[in-house]
Structures are given as C-alpha cells and as structure tokens.
Amino acid sequence: MKTYSIDLNSVYNADELHSEIREVLPVPEFYGNNLDALHDVLTDFHEPCRIEFKNLTEAEITMPKYIRSLKKMCEDVMKENEKVEIVFE
C-alpha cells in the first residue's frame, strides 16, 4: 500500500494546504485547490493508499474551521472509497 505523508507544520491557510497536497499527492494538473476538488481526486483513487496528515496543531489554531471541513471531507471519502485510508496525526 502506498503511503502519502502531508506535513502541516508550516501550513497557515488553505492555499498553503493545497500547495502541500499538490506536492505530495498525485493530483491532476487541473486540480482546483479546494476541498471539493480534493474529494473528487481521492474518491477516484484506484489503488489502496494511506494518507497521513501530520503536525496538525498549528493548522488547527490558524484555520480551525477549514481543518474541521477537511476532516469531515476525509470521512466522506473513506466511506465512498474503501481503498483510501486517511489519518490525522
């Protein structure tokens, strides 16, 4: 199983989050830099994978609502695509 690790240690806003996602995950060139686009990408994964969002503390302080939305979206993805496991560490 492929594992992707997304470090949120120096992420302070949604643009930085999606920039980090672009660097780590195999997203298409036209990736929309928003949670709806991320949902579409993750529900379309065909190979089993684990995605780890690490070092959340600062991001949860600077953008708590967005991180809550990210977590909810990830829960939805795992319900829709059993090949994707997402954890927050």
C-alpha atoms as a PDB file:
ATOM      1  CA  MET A   1       0.000   0.000   0.000  1.00  0.00           C
ATOM      2  CA  LYS A   2       1.324   3.421  -0.957  1.00  0.00           C
ATOM      3  CA  THR A   3       1.581   5.940   1.900  1.00  0.00           C
ATOM      4  CA  TYR A   4       1.486   9.698   1.409  1.00  0.00           C
ATOM      5  CA  SER A   5       2.573  11.961   4.258  1.00  0.00           C
ATOM      6  CA  ILE A   6       1.373  15.563   4.265  1.00  0.00           C
ATOM      7  CA  ASP A   7       3.158  17.717   6.839  1.00  0.00           C
ATOM      8  CA  LEU A   8       1.017  20.622   8.045  1.00  0.00           C
ATOM      9  CA  ASN A   9       3.696  22.033  10.337  1.00  0.00           C
ATOM     10  CA  SER A  10       4.174  25.221   8.303  1.00  0.00           C
ATOM     11  CA  VAL A  11       0.658  25.456   6.834  1.00  0.00           C
ATOM     12  CA  TYR A  12      -1.269  28.556   7.922  1.00  0.00           C
ATOM     13  CA  ASN A  13      -4.010  28.898   5.295  1.00  0.00           C
ATOM     14  CA  ALA A  14      -5.942  26.947   2.678  1.00  0.00           C
ATOM     15  CA  ASP A  15      -3.635  27.955  -0.180  1.00  0.00           C
ATOM     16  CA  GLU A  16      -0.611  26.574   1.660  1.00  0.00           C
ATOM     17  CA  LEU A  17      -2.517  23.385   2.477  1.00  0.00           C
ATOM     18  CA  HIS A  18      -3.396  22.770  -1.143  1.00  0.00           C
ATOM     19  CA  SER A  19       0.137  23.616  -2.243  1.00  0.00           C
ATOM     20  CA  GLU A  20       1.409  20.914   0.119  1.00  0.00           C
ATOM     21  CA  ILE A  21      -1.217  18.490  -1.198  1.00  0.00           C
ATOM     22  CA  ARG A  22      -0.094  19.208  -4.778  1.00  0.00           C
ATOM     23  CA  GLU A  23       3.496  18.368  -3.822  1.00  0.00           C
ATOM     24  CA  VAL A  24       2.647  15.075  -2.123  1.00  0.00           C
ATOM     25  CA  LEU A  25      -0.434  13.551  -3.757  1.00  0.00           C
ATOM     26  CA  PRO A  26      -0.756  12.549  -7.399  1.00  0.00           C
ATOM     27  CA  VAL A  27      -3.315  15.192  -8.307  1.00  0.00           C
ATOM     28  CA  PRO A  28      -4.046  16.172 -11.902  1.00  0.00           C
ATOM     29  CA  GLU A  29      -2.648  19.340 -13.440  1.00  0.00           C
ATOM     30  CA  PHE A  30      -6.106  20.934 -13.298  1.00  0.00           C
ATOM     31  CA  TYR A  31      -6.531  20.281  -9.538  1.00  0.00           C
ATOM     32  CA  GLY A  32      -8.814  23.016  -8.216  1.00  0.00           C
ATOM     33  CA  ASN A  33      -7.099  23.808  -4.876  1.00  0.00           C
ATOM     34  CA  ASN A  34     -10.222  23.327  -2.778  1.00  0.00           C
ATOM     35  CA  LEU A  35     -11.861  20.588  -0.710  1.00  0.00           C
ATOM     36  CA  ASP A  36     -14.372  19.677  -3.427  1.00  0.00           C
ATOM     37  CA  ALA A  37     -11.526  19.069  -5.873  1.00  0.00           C
ATOM     38  CA  LEU A  38      -9.625  17.043  -3.268  1.00  0.00           C
ATOM     39  CA  HIS A  39     -12.745  14.954  -2.624  1.00  0.00           C
ATOM     40  CA  ASP A  40     -13.055  14.215  -6.337  1.00  0.00           C
ATOM     41  CA  VAL A  41      -9.389  13.201  -6.599  1.00  0.00           C
ATOM     42  CA  LEU A  42      -9.458  10.941  -3.548  1.00  0.00           C
ATOM     43  CA  THR A  43     -12.699   9.175  -4.401  1.00  0.00           C
ATOM     44  CA  ASP A  44     -11.188   8.384  -7.801  1.00  0.00           C
ATOM     45  CA  PHE A  45      -8.067   6.624  -6.407  1.00  0.00           C
ATOM     46  CA  HIS A  46      -7.984   3.052  -7.720  1.00  0.00           C
ATOM     47  CA  GLU A  47      -5.026   1.684  -5.758  1.00  0.00           C
ATOM     48  CA  PRO A  48      -5.059   1.198  -1.972  1.00  0.00           C
ATOM     49  CA  CYS A  49      -3.334   4.045  -0.179  1.00  0.00           C
ATOM     50  CA  ARG A  50      -2.878   5.651   3.208  1.00  0.00           C
ATOM     51  CA  ILE A  51      -2.787   9.426   3.542  1.00  0.00           C
ATOM     52  CA  GLU A  52      -1.313  10.842   6.720  1.00  0.00           C
ATOM     53  CA  PHE A  53      -1.880  14.458   7.703  1.00  0.00           C
ATOM     54  CA  LYS A  54       0.848  15.178  10.240  1.00  0.00           C
ATOM     55  CA  ASN A  55       1.615  18.025  12.663  1.00  0.00           C
ATOM     56  CA  LEU A  56      -1.887  19.472  12.757  1.00  0.00           C
ATOM     57  CA  THR A  57      -1.519  21.610  15.879  1.00  0.00           C
ATOM     58  CA  GLU A  58      -0.619  24.917  14.219  1.00  0.00           C
ATOM     59  CA  ALA A  59      -3.078  24.481  11.342  1.00  0.00           C
ATOM     60  CA  GLU A  60      -5.899  23.743  13.798  1.00  0.00           C
ATOM     61  CA  ILE A  61      -5.096  27.014  15.587  1.00  0.00           C
ATOM     62  CA  THR A  62      -4.770  29.210  12.499  1.00  0.00           C
ATOM     63  CA  MET A  63      -7.628  27.741  10.463  1.00  0.00           C
ATOM     64  CA  PRO A  64      -9.840  25.599  12.718  1.00  0.00           C
ATOM     65  CA  LYS A  65     -12.974  25.741  10.562  1.00  0.00           C
ATOM     66  CA  TYR A  66     -11.094  24.672   7.420  1.00  0.00           C
ATOM     67  CA  ILE A  67      -9.387  21.785   9.217  1.00  0.00           C
ATOM     68  CA  ARG A  68     -12.775  20.613  10.549  1.00  0.00           C
ATOM     69  CA  SER A  69     -14.099  20.716   6.993  1.00  0.00           C
ATOM     70  CA  LEU A  70     -11.036  18.804   5.771  1.00  0.00           C
ATOM     71  CA  LYS A  71     -11.581  16.094   8.388  1.00  0.00           C
ATOM     72  CA  LYS A  72     -15.278  15.783   7.506  1.00  0.00           C
ATOM     73  CA  MET A  73     -14.455  15.561   3.804  1.00  0.00           C
ATOM     74  CA  CYS A  74     -11.890  12.835   4.556  1.00  0.00           C
ATOM     75  CA  GLU A  75     -14.501  10.848   6.492  1.00  0.00           C
ATOM     76  CA  ASP A  76     -16.803  11.087   3.477  1.00  0.00           C
ATOM     77  CA  VAL A  77     -14.021   9.944   1.133  1.00  0.00           C
ATOM     78  CA  MET A  78     -13.296   6.859   3.240  1.00  0.00           C
ATOM     79  CA  LYS A  79     -17.000   5.942   3.182  1.00  0.00           C
ATOM     80  CA  GLU A  80     -17.109   6.319  -0.603  1.00  0.00           C
ATOM     81  CA  ASN A  81     -13.758   4.740  -1.491  1.00  0.00           C
ATOM     82  CA  GLU A  82     -12.661   1.810   0.669  1.00  0.00           C
ATOM     83  CA  LYS A  83      -9.210   1.857  -0.938  1.00  0.00           C
ATOM     84  CA  VAL A  84      -8.344   5.146   0.762  1.00  0.00           C
ATOM     85  CA  GLU A  85      -7.364   5.351   4.417  1.00  0.00           C
ATOM     86  CA  ILE A  86      -6.829   8.842   5.871  1.00  0.00           C
ATOM     87  CA  VAL A  87      -5.389   9.547   9.294  1.00  0.00           C
ATOM     88  CA  PHE A  88      -4.622  12.707  11.227  1.00  0.00           C
ATOM     89  CA  GLU A  89      -1.589  12.522  13.472  1.00  0.00           C
END
